[in-house]
Amino acid sequence: MRHLHDPHAPPHAVSRLRAARLARSSKPFLARGGPRGERCAGCRLVPSHCICALRPVLPVRAGVCLLMADIEPLKPSNTGWLVADVVADTFAFGWARTEVDPALLALLRDPQWQPYLVFPGEFVAAERVVTDVQALDAGGGKRPLFVLLDATWPEARKMFRKSPYLDKLPVLSLQSEQLSSYKLRRSQRDEHFCTSEVAALCLTLAGEAHAAQTLEAYLDVFTSHYLLAKQQLPVNMEDAAHVRLSSLRMQPQGDDAF
């Protein structure tokens, strides 16, 4: 079992989507604060605060499909990138109101996957709502594919309303007790959960607790590096966030591999 990220590994789905989006831009995208010099192509942080060497490599049976609002792949703070770092079978597509990528439709029809659209249940008919990932696949033959709308909340609601190809998918609605546990851990953050936090909850529901905990810890480390870089402060590689991630990365996986 490898635990270190291969620096020569091909770019993941979000990285490829970012490159495609940049290629279509008529002017360069400037992250908040304007041009500040070089950023690492692997993690989007400044080189002094790069986290590429800390990227976890672990087996994950579930898949994630990120349907991303227009500029989300360009944001250095986008946490869908972290999901793609951890979950090997992460797919990323740009969202547009007037067209849909045929590859996205093919993915949603792929018989190896059971797609779940992750969205609050109060916005859909009750018969579409599920809370148990295993309920639709009692035989265990299909792998769960979590479809996440990677956008601001107003954008996500628009995407939900104007994407008819999602209308037949079961809607996985996260329960209040799960959300409350995140509020305790993330009390210093906004009440809305970032894409990486939602993905970690989904992995927990899929029975992949170790992957969920690793993604949580990886998010904490990324957040620390990102904020310290903005403040031009050094990283403490022995703080609680780094120690937790290191411990999770070194845990044996046993029979979790597939």
C-alpha atoms as a PDB file:
ATOM      1  CA  MET A   1       0.000   0.000   0.000  1.00  0.00           C
ATOM      2  CA  ARG A   2       1.437   3.359  -1.039  1.00  0.00           C
ATOM      3  CA  HIS A   3       0.899   6.299   1.271  1.00  0.00           C
ATOM      4  CA  LEU A   4       2.772   8.981  -0.646  1.00  0.00           C
ATOM      5  CA  HIS A   5       1.418  10.832  -3.638  1.00  0.00           C
ATOM      6  CA  ASP A   6       3.293  10.163  -6.858  1.00  0.00           C
ATOM      7  CA  PRO A   7       4.420  13.602  -8.138  1.00  0.00           C
ATOM      8  CA  HIS A   8       4.400  12.202 -11.684  1.00  0.00           C
ATOM      9  CA  ALA A   9       0.796  10.982 -11.497  1.00  0.00           C
ATOM     10  CA  PRO A  10      -1.480  12.413 -14.222  1.00  0.00           C
ATOM     11  CA  PRO A  11      -3.651  15.397 -13.282  1.00  0.00           C
ATOM     12  CA  HIS A  12      -7.017  14.522 -11.770  1.00  0.00           C
ATOM     13  CA  ALA A  13     -10.453  15.489 -13.072  1.00  0.00           C
ATOM     14  CA  VAL A  14     -10.682  18.890 -11.365  1.00  0.00           C
ATOM     15  CA  SER A  15      -7.199  19.830 -12.531  1.00  0.00           C
ATOM     16  CA  ARG A  16      -8.118  18.901 -16.108  1.00  0.00           C
ATOM     17  CA  LEU A  17     -11.364  20.885 -15.889  1.00  0.00           C
ATOM     18  CA  ARG A  18      -9.442  23.883 -14.566  1.00  0.00           C
ATOM     19  CA  ALA A  19      -7.003  23.685 -17.483  1.00  0.00           C
ATOM     20  CA  ALA A  20      -9.873  23.496 -19.976  1.00  0.00           C
ATOM     21  CA  ARG A  21     -11.634  26.444 -18.356  1.00  0.00           C
ATOM     22  CA  LEU A  22      -8.448  28.541 -18.426  1.00  0.00           C
ATOM     23  CA  ALA A  23      -7.962  27.706 -22.088  1.00  0.00           C
ATOM     24  CA  ARG A  24     -11.396  29.180 -22.855  1.00  0.00           C
ATOM     25  CA  SER A  25     -10.790  32.394 -20.919  1.00  0.00           C
ATOM     26  CA  SER A  26     -10.373  35.594 -22.873  1.00  0.00           C
ATOM     27  CA  LYS A  27      -8.423  37.140 -19.998  1.00  0.00           C
ATOM     28  CA  PRO A  28      -6.382  35.628 -17.157  1.00  0.00           C
ATOM     29  CA  PHE A  29      -8.202  34.614 -14.000  1.00  0.00           C
ATOM     30  CA  LEU A  30      -6.856  36.455 -10.948  1.00  0.00           C
ATOM     31  CA  ALA A  31      -7.503  34.962  -7.547  1.00  0.00           C
ATOM     32  CA  ARG A  32      -8.612  37.384  -4.844  1.00  0.00           C
ATOM     33  CA  GLY A  33      -5.783  39.714  -4.006  1.00  0.00           C
ATOM     34  CA  GLY A  34      -4.432  39.931  -7.540  1.00  0.00           C
ATOM     35  CA  PRO A  35      -1.279  38.354  -8.987  1.00  0.00           C
ATOM     36  CA  ARG A  36       1.035  37.149  -6.243  1.00  0.00           C
ATOM     37  CA  GLY A  37       3.541  35.097  -8.145  1.00  0.00           C
ATOM     38  CA  GLU A  38       3.923  31.394  -8.669  1.00  0.00           C
ATOM     39  CA  ARG A  39       1.449  28.766  -7.440  1.00  0.00           C
ATOM     40  CA  CYS A  40       2.012  25.023  -7.323  1.00  0.00           C
ATOM     41  CA  ALA A  41       0.199  23.288 -10.175  1.00  0.00           C
ATOM     42  CA  GLY A  42      -0.526  20.305  -7.934  1.00  0.00           C
ATOM     43  CA  CYS A  43      -2.243  22.023  -4.992  1.00  0.00           C
ATOM     44  CA  ARG A  44      -2.698  25.695  -6.083  1.00  0.00           C
ATOM     45  CA  LEU A  45      -0.815  26.983  -3.036  1.00  0.00           C
ATOM     46  CA  VAL A  46       2.324  29.077  -3.103  1.00  0.00           C
ATOM     47  CA  PRO A  47       5.378  26.788  -3.268  1.00  0.00           C
ATOM     48  CA  SER A  48       6.487  27.588   0.290  1.00  0.00           C
ATOM     49  CA  HIS A  49       3.166  26.181   1.592  1.00  0.00           C
ATOM     50  CA  CYS A  50       2.702  23.317  -0.896  1.00  0.00           C
ATOM     51  CA  ILE A  51       0.831  20.248   0.399  1.00  0.00           C
ATOM     52  CA  CYS A  52       1.498  17.867  -2.501  1.00  0.00           C
ATOM     53  CA  ALA A  53       3.752  15.654  -0.373  1.00  0.00           C
ATOM     54  CA  LEU A  54       0.912  15.266   2.153  1.00  0.00           C
ATOM     55  CA  ARG A  55      -1.686  14.091  -0.345  1.00  0.00           C
ATOM     56  CA  PRO A  56      -3.180  10.783   0.867  1.00  0.00           C
ATOM     57  CA  VAL A  57      -3.216   7.699  -1.328  1.00  0.00           C
ATOM     58  CA  LEU A  58      -5.800   5.168  -0.189  1.00  0.00           C
ATOM     59  CA  PRO A  59      -8.426   2.855  -1.697  1.00  0.00           C
ATOM     60  CA  VAL A  60     -11.932   4.298  -1.952  1.00  0.00           C
ATOM     61  CA  ARG A  61     -14.783   2.256  -3.419  1.00  0.00           C
ATOM     62  CA  ALA A  62     -17.203   5.168  -3.784  1.00  0.00           C
ATOM     63  CA  GLY A  63     -17.034   7.723  -6.556  1.00  0.00           C
ATOM     64  CA  VAL A  64     -17.776  11.444  -6.637  1.00  0.00           C
ATOM     65  CA  CYS A  65     -19.170  13.437  -9.544  1.00  0.00           C
ATOM     66  CA  LEU A  66     -18.596  17.162  -9.197  1.00  0.00           C
ATOM     67  CA  LEU A  67     -20.894  19.370 -11.240  1.00  0.00           C
ATOM     68  CA  MET A  68     -19.049  22.667 -10.980  1.00  0.00           C
ATOM     69  CA  ALA A  69     -20.246  26.238 -11.465  1.00  0.00           C
ATOM     70  CA  ASP A  70     -18.314  28.202 -14.057  1.00  0.00           C
ATOM     71  CA  ILE A  71     -15.416  29.650 -12.053  1.00  0.00           C
ATOM     72  CA  GLU A  72     -15.231  27.073  -9.237  1.00  0.00           C
ATOM     73  CA  PRO A  73     -12.360  25.116 -10.865  1.00  0.00           C
ATOM     74  CA  LEU A  74     -10.348  28.340 -11.025  1.00  0.00           C
ATOM     75  CA  LYS A  75     -10.554  29.245  -7.344  1.00  0.00           C
ATOM     76  CA  PRO A  76      -7.453  28.340  -5.307  1.00  0.00           C
ATOM     77  CA  SER A  77      -9.770  27.833  -2.325  1.00  0.00           C
ATOM     78  CA  ASN A  78     -12.059  25.336  -4.080  1.00  0.00           C
ATOM     79  CA  THR A  79     -12.246  22.155  -1.983  1.00  0.00           C
ATOM     80  CA  GLY A  80     -13.592  19.934  -4.754  1.00  0.00           C
ATOM     81  CA  TRP A  81      -9.910  19.722  -5.703  1.00  0.00           C
ATOM     82  CA  LEU A  82      -9.221  18.012  -2.354  1.00  0.00           C
ATOM     83  CA  VAL A  83     -11.975  15.478  -3.005  1.00  0.00           C
ATOM     84  CA  ALA A  84     -10.313  14.593  -6.310  1.00  0.00           C
ATOM     85  CA  ASP A  85      -6.979  14.276  -4.502  1.00  0.00           C
ATOM     86  CA  VAL A  86      -8.379  11.668  -2.092  1.00  0.00           C
ATOM     87  CA  VAL A  87     -11.101   9.871  -4.084  1.00  0.00           C
ATOM     88  CA  ALA A  88      -9.512   8.334  -7.176  1.00  0.00           C
ATOM     89  CA  ASP A  89     -12.822   7.969  -9.024  1.00  0.00           C
ATOM     90  CA  THR A  90     -13.725  11.651  -8.969  1.00  0.00           C
ATOM     91  CA  PHE A  91     -15.293  13.065 -12.125  1.00  0.00           C
ATOM     92  CA  ALA A  92     -15.657  16.798 -12.770  1.00  0.00           C
ATOM     93  CA  PHE A  93     -17.878  18.595 -15.252  1.00  0.00           C
ATOM     94  CA  GLY A  94     -18.581  22.253 -15.823  1.00  0.00           C
ATOM     95  CA  TRP A  95     -22.256  23.230 -15.571  1.00  0.00           C
ATOM     96  CA  ALA A  96     -24.081  25.224 -18.213  1.00  0.00           C
ATOM     97  CA  ARG A  97     -27.794  25.935 -18.432  1.00  0.00           C
ATOM     98  CA  THR A  98     -28.088  25.328 -22.171  1.00  0.00           C
ATOM     99  CA  GLU A  99     -25.931  22.251 -22.659  1.00  0.00           C
ATOM    100  CA  VAL A 100     -24.713  19.131 -20.909  1.00  0.00           C
ATOM    101  CA  ASP A 101     -21.523  17.153 -21.442  1.00  0.00           C
ATOM    102  CA  PRO A 102     -22.371  13.773 -23.075  1.00  0.00           C
ATOM    103  CA  ALA A 103     -19.712  12.192 -20.851  1.00  0.00           C
ATOM    104  CA  LEU A 104     -21.717  13.242 -17.784  1.00  0.00           C
ATOM    105  CA  LEU A 105     -24.876  11.595 -19.134  1.00  0.00           C
ATOM    106  CA  ALA A 106     -22.902   8.440 -19.934  1.00  0.00           C
ATOM    107  CA  LEU A 107     -21.475   8.374 -16.406  1.00  0.00           C
ATOM    108  CA  LEU A 108     -24.922   8.667 -14.824  1.00  0.00           C
ATOM    109  CA  ARG A 109     -26.095   5.722 -16.960  1.00  0.00           C
ATOM    110  CA  ASP A 110     -23.033   3.542 -16.285  1.00  0.00           C
ATOM    111  CA  PRO A 111     -24.328   0.299 -14.681  1.00  0.00           C
ATOM    112  CA  GLN A 112     -21.397   0.013 -12.268  1.00  0.00           C
ATOM    113  CA  TRP A 113     -22.599   3.123 -10.417  1.00  0.00           C
ATOM    114  CA  GLN A 114     -25.621   3.991  -8.292  1.00  0.00           C
ATOM    115  CA  PRO A 115     -25.791   7.792  -8.499  1.00  0.00           C
ATOM    116  CA  TYR A 116     -27.097   9.890  -5.596  1.00  0.00           C
ATOM    117  CA  LEU A 117     -27.725  13.604  -6.009  1.00  0.00           C
ATOM    118  CA  VAL A 118     -26.716  15.198  -2.719  1.00  0.00           C
ATOM    119  CA  PHE A 119     -29.143  18.001  -1.926  1.00  0.00           C
ATOM    120  CA  PRO A 120     -31.465  19.057   0.916  1.00  0.00           C
ATOM    121  CA  GLY A 121     -34.561  16.870   0.895  1.00  0.00           C
ATOM    122  CA  GLU A 122     -37.007  19.700   1.604  1.00  0.00           C
ATOM    123  CA  PHE A 123     -36.592  20.951  -1.968  1.00  0.00           C
ATOM    124  CA  VAL A 124     -37.802  17.754  -3.659  1.00  0.00           C
ATOM    125  CA  ALA A 125     -40.755  15.371  -3.583  1.00  0.00           C
ATOM    126  CA  ALA A 126     -40.588  13.012  -0.634  1.00  0.00           C
ATOM    127  CA  GLU A 127     -40.485   9.898  -2.822  1.00  0.00           C
ATOM    128  CA  ARG A 128     -37.124  10.944  -4.273  1.00  0.00           C
ATOM    129  CA  VAL A 129     -35.426  11.369  -0.905  1.00  0.00           C
ATOM    130  CA  VAL A 130     -33.166   8.677   0.555  1.00  0.00           C
ATOM    131  CA  THR A 131     -31.067   8.773   3.695  1.00  0.00           C
ATOM    132  CA  ASP A 132     -29.478   5.309   3.445  1.00  0.00           C
ATOM    133  CA  VAL A 133     -26.871   4.771   0.741  1.00  0.00           C
ATOM    134  CA  GLN A 134     -27.404   1.012   0.810  1.00  0.00           C
ATOM    135  CA  ALA A 135     -31.187   1.180   0.387  1.00  0.00           C
ATOM    136  CA  LEU A 136     -31.151   1.256  -3.425  1.00  0.00           C
ATOM    137  CA  ASP A 137     -28.531  -1.449  -3.823  1.00  0.00           C
ATOM    138  CA  ALA A 138     -29.404  -4.221  -1.426  1.00  0.00           C
ATOM    139  CA  GLY A 139     -27.232  -6.697  -3.333  1.00  0.00           C
ATOM    140  CA  GLY A 140     -24.169  -4.518  -3.021  1.00  0.00           C
ATOM    141  CA  GLY A 141     -23.275  -4.862  -6.684  1.00  0.00           C
ATOM    142  CA  LYS A 142     -23.166  -1.194  -7.560  1.00  0.00           C
ATOM    143  CA  ARG A 143     -20.748   1.398  -6.263  1.00  0.00           C
ATOM    144  CA  PRO A 144     -22.187   4.637  -4.861  1.00  0.00           C
ATOM    145  CA  LEU A 145     -21.581   7.744  -6.956  1.00  0.00           C
ATOM    146  CA  PHE A 146     -22.226  10.981  -5.092  1.00  0.00           C
ATOM    147  CA  VAL A 147     -23.234  13.856  -7.368  1.00  0.00           C
ATOM    148  CA  LEU A 148     -22.267  17.135  -5.702  1.00  0.00           C
ATOM    149  CA  LEU A 149     -23.190  20.601  -6.970  1.00  0.00           C
ATOM    150  CA  ASP A 150     -19.944  22.477  -6.403  1.00  0.00           C
ATOM    151  CA  ALA A 151     -21.102  26.082  -6.252  1.00  0.00           C
ATOM    152  CA  THR A 152     -22.341  28.791  -3.951  1.00  0.00           C
ATOM    153  CA  TRP A 153     -25.740  28.055  -2.452  1.00  0.00           C
ATOM    154  CA  PRO A 154     -27.648  30.398  -4.851  1.00  0.00           C
ATOM    155  CA  GLU A 155     -25.798  28.872  -7.799  1.00  0.00           C
ATOM    156  CA  ALA A 156     -26.459  25.323  -6.551  1.00  0.00           C
ATOM    157  CA  ARG A 157     -30.202  25.976  -6.315  1.00  0.00           C
ATOM    158  CA  LYS A 158     -30.199  27.297  -9.880  1.00  0.00           C
ATOM    159  CA  MET A 159     -28.240  24.270 -11.077  1.00  0.00           C
ATOM    160  CA  PHE A 160     -30.657  21.957  -9.313  1.00  0.00           C
ATOM    161  CA  ARG A 161     -33.718  23.600 -10.909  1.00  0.00           C
ATOM    162  CA  LYS A 162     -32.298  23.873 -14.414  1.00  0.00           C
ATOM    163  CA  SER A 163     -30.692  20.434 -14.871  1.00  0.00           C
ATOM    164  CA  PRO A 164     -33.504  18.113 -16.039  1.00  0.00           C
ATOM    165  CA  TYR A 165     -31.062  15.218 -16.499  1.00  0.00           C
ATOM    166  CA  LEU A 166     -30.766  15.112 -12.692  1.00  0.00           C
ATOM    167  CA  ASP A 167     -34.524  14.890 -12.118  1.00  0.00           C
ATOM    168  CA  LYS A 168     -34.660  11.090 -11.996  1.00  0.00           C
ATOM    169  CA  LEU A 169     -31.800  10.625  -9.568  1.00  0.00           C
ATOM    170  CA  PRO A 170     -32.521   9.749  -5.943  1.00  0.00           C
ATOM    171  CA  VAL A 171     -31.735  12.674  -3.661  1.00  0.00           C
ATOM    172  CA  LEU A 172     -29.476  11.911  -0.721  1.00  0.00           C
ATOM    173  CA  SER A 173     -30.474  14.274   2.053  1.00  0.00           C
ATOM    174  CA  LEU A 174     -27.976  14.604   4.892  1.00  0.00           C
ATOM    175  CA  GLN A 175     -29.582  14.332   8.308  1.00  0.00           C
ATOM    176  CA  SER A 176     -29.641  17.022  10.978  1.00  0.00           C
ATOM    177  CA  GLU A 177     -27.645  14.993  13.490  1.00  0.00           C
ATOM    178  CA  GLN A 178     -24.835  14.578  10.957  1.00  0.00           C
ATOM    179  CA  LEU A 179     -24.828  18.268  10.174  1.00  0.00           C
ATOM    180  CA  SER A 180     -24.845  19.130  13.883  1.00  0.00           C
ATOM    181  CA  SER A 181     -21.704  17.101  14.461  1.00  0.00           C
ATOM    182  CA  TYR A 182     -19.989  19.126  11.760  1.00  0.00           C
ATOM    183  CA  LYS A 183     -21.101  22.386  13.320  1.00  0.00           C
ATOM    184  CA  LEU A 184     -19.348  21.383  16.517  1.00  0.00           C
ATOM    185  CA  ARG A 185     -16.118  20.626  14.703  1.00  0.00           C
ATOM    186  CA  ARG A 186     -16.345  23.581  12.304  1.00  0.00           C
ATOM    187  CA  SER A 187     -17.833  26.161  14.642  1.00  0.00           C
ATOM    188  CA  GLN A 188     -15.322  28.772  13.500  1.00  0.00           C
ATOM    189  CA  ARG A 189     -16.514  28.506   9.898  1.00  0.00           C
ATOM    190  CA  ASP A 190     -19.550  29.563   7.945  1.00  0.00           C
ATOM    191  CA  GLU A 191     -22.738  27.560   8.628  1.00  0.00           C
ATOM    192  CA  HIS A 192     -22.704  26.252   5.053  1.00  0.00           C
ATOM    193  CA  PHE A 193     -20.532  23.234   4.427  1.00  0.00           C
ATOM    194  CA  CYS A 194     -17.848  23.203   1.784  1.00  0.00           C
ATOM    195  CA  THR A 195     -17.740  20.541  -0.908  1.00  0.00           C
ATOM    196  CA  SER A 196     -15.022  18.563   0.844  1.00  0.00           C
ATOM    197  CA  GLU A 197     -17.017  18.421   4.094  1.00  0.00           C
ATOM    198  CA  VAL A 198     -20.117  17.182   2.260  1.00  0.00           C
ATOM    199  CA  ALA A 199     -18.055  14.539   0.456  1.00  0.00           C
ATOM    200  CA  ALA A 200     -16.662  13.322   3.783  1.00  0.00           C
ATOM    201  CA  LEU A 201     -20.198  12.923   5.139  1.00  0.00           C
ATOM    202  CA  CYS A 202     -21.141  10.940   2.042  1.00  0.00           C
ATOM    203  CA  LEU A 203     -18.143   8.641   2.438  1.00  0.00           C
ATOM    204  CA  THR A 204     -19.174   7.989   6.027  1.00  0.00           C
ATOM    205  CA  LEU A 205     -22.659   6.989   4.867  1.00  0.00           C
ATOM    206  CA  ALA A 206     -21.063   4.662   2.318  1.00  0.00           C
ATOM    207  CA  GLY A 207     -19.225   2.837   5.105  1.00  0.00           C
ATOM    208  CA  GLU A 208     -15.827   4.351   4.282  1.00  0.00           C
ATOM    209  CA  ALA A 209     -15.058   5.922   7.635  1.00  0.00           C
ATOM    210  CA  HIS A 210     -11.282   5.935   7.189  1.00  0.00           C
ATOM    211  CA  ALA A 211     -11.485   7.720   3.852  1.00  0.00           C
ATOM    212  CA  ALA A 212     -13.951  10.221   5.358  1.00  0.00           C
ATOM    213  CA  GLN A 213     -11.685  10.960   8.314  1.00  0.00           C
ATOM    214  CA  THR A 214      -8.665  11.281   6.042  1.00  0.00           C
ATOM    215  CA  LEU A 215     -10.486  13.761   3.796  1.00  0.00           C
ATOM    216  CA  GLU A 216     -11.513  15.766   6.880  1.00  0.00           C
ATOM    217  CA  ALA A 217      -7.926  15.863   8.126  1.00  0.00           C
ATOM    218  CA  TYR A 218      -6.613  16.746   4.669  1.00  0.00           C
ATOM    219  CA  LEU A 219      -9.079  19.651   4.508  1.00  0.00           C
ATOM    220  CA  ASP A 220      -7.849  20.899   7.889  1.00  0.00           C
ATOM    221  CA  VAL A 221      -4.237  20.815   6.695  1.00  0.00           C
ATOM    222  CA  PHE A 222      -5.117  22.527   3.410  1.00  0.00           C
ATOM    223  CA  THR A 223      -7.043  25.242   5.261  1.00  0.00           C
ATOM    224  CA  SER A 224      -4.113  25.814   7.603  1.00  0.00           C
ATOM    225  CA  HIS A 225      -1.594  26.098   4.748  1.00  0.00           C
ATOM    226  CA  TYR A 226      -3.915  28.342   2.726  1.00  0.00           C
ATOM    227  CA  LEU A 227      -4.482  30.805   5.573  1.00  0.00           C
ATOM    228  CA  LEU A 228      -0.849  30.816   6.679  1.00  0.00           C
ATOM    229  CA  ALA A 229       0.241  31.523   3.111  1.00  0.00           C
ATOM    230  CA  LYS A 230      -2.123  34.510   2.962  1.00  0.00           C
ATOM    231  CA  GLN A 231      -0.638  35.793   6.229  1.00  0.00           C
ATOM    232  CA  GLN A 232       2.925  35.016   5.082  1.00  0.00           C
ATOM    233  CA  LEU A 233       3.482  32.851   8.163  1.00  0.00           C
ATOM    234  CA  PRO A 234       5.423  29.569   8.320  1.00  0.00           C
ATOM    235  CA  VAL A 235       3.762  26.160   8.590  1.00  0.00           C
ATOM    236  CA  ASN A 236       4.045  24.094  11.759  1.00  0.00           C
ATOM    237  CA  MET A 237       4.323  20.528  10.477  1.00  0.00           C
ATOM    238  CA  GLU A 238       3.919  19.183  14.021  1.00  0.00           C
ATOM    239  CA  ASP A 239       0.607  20.830  14.899  1.00  0.00           C
ATOM    240  CA  ALA A 240      -2.534  18.814  15.642  1.00  0.00           C
ATOM    241  CA  ALA A 241      -3.867  18.924  12.065  1.00  0.00           C
ATOM    242  CA  HIS A 242      -0.646  17.581  10.554  1.00  0.00           C
ATOM    243  CA  VAL A 243      -0.231  14.903  13.220  1.00  0.00           C
ATOM    244  CA  ARG A 244      -3.791  13.686  12.665  1.00  0.00           C
ATOM    245  CA  LEU A 245      -3.377  13.503   8.893  1.00  0.00           C
ATOM    246  CA  SER A 246      -0.045  11.701   9.232  1.00  0.00           C
ATOM    247  CA  SER A 247      -1.591   9.150  11.584  1.00  0.00           C
ATOM    248  CA  LEU A 248      -4.504   8.477   9.219  1.00  0.00           C
ATOM    249  CA  ARG A 249      -2.233   8.179   6.194  1.00  0.00           C
ATOM    250  CA  MET A 250      -0.160   5.538   7.947  1.00  0.00           C
ATOM    251  CA  GLN A 251      -3.047   3.393   9.166  1.00  0.00           C
ATOM    252  CA  PRO A 252      -3.171  -0.023   7.454  1.00  0.00           C
ATOM    253  CA  GLN A 253      -6.193  -0.456   5.206  1.00  0.00           C
ATOM    254  CA  GLY A 254      -6.677  -4.194   5.607  1.00  0.00           C
ATOM    255  CA  ASP A 255      -9.610  -5.442   3.561  1.00  0.00           C
ATOM    256  CA  ASP A 256     -10.827  -1.986   2.536  1.00  0.00           C
ATOM    257  CA  ALA A 257      -8.950  -2.235  -0.744  1.00  0.00           C
ATOM    258  CA  PHE A 258     -10.871  -3.582  -3.706  1.00  0.00           C
END
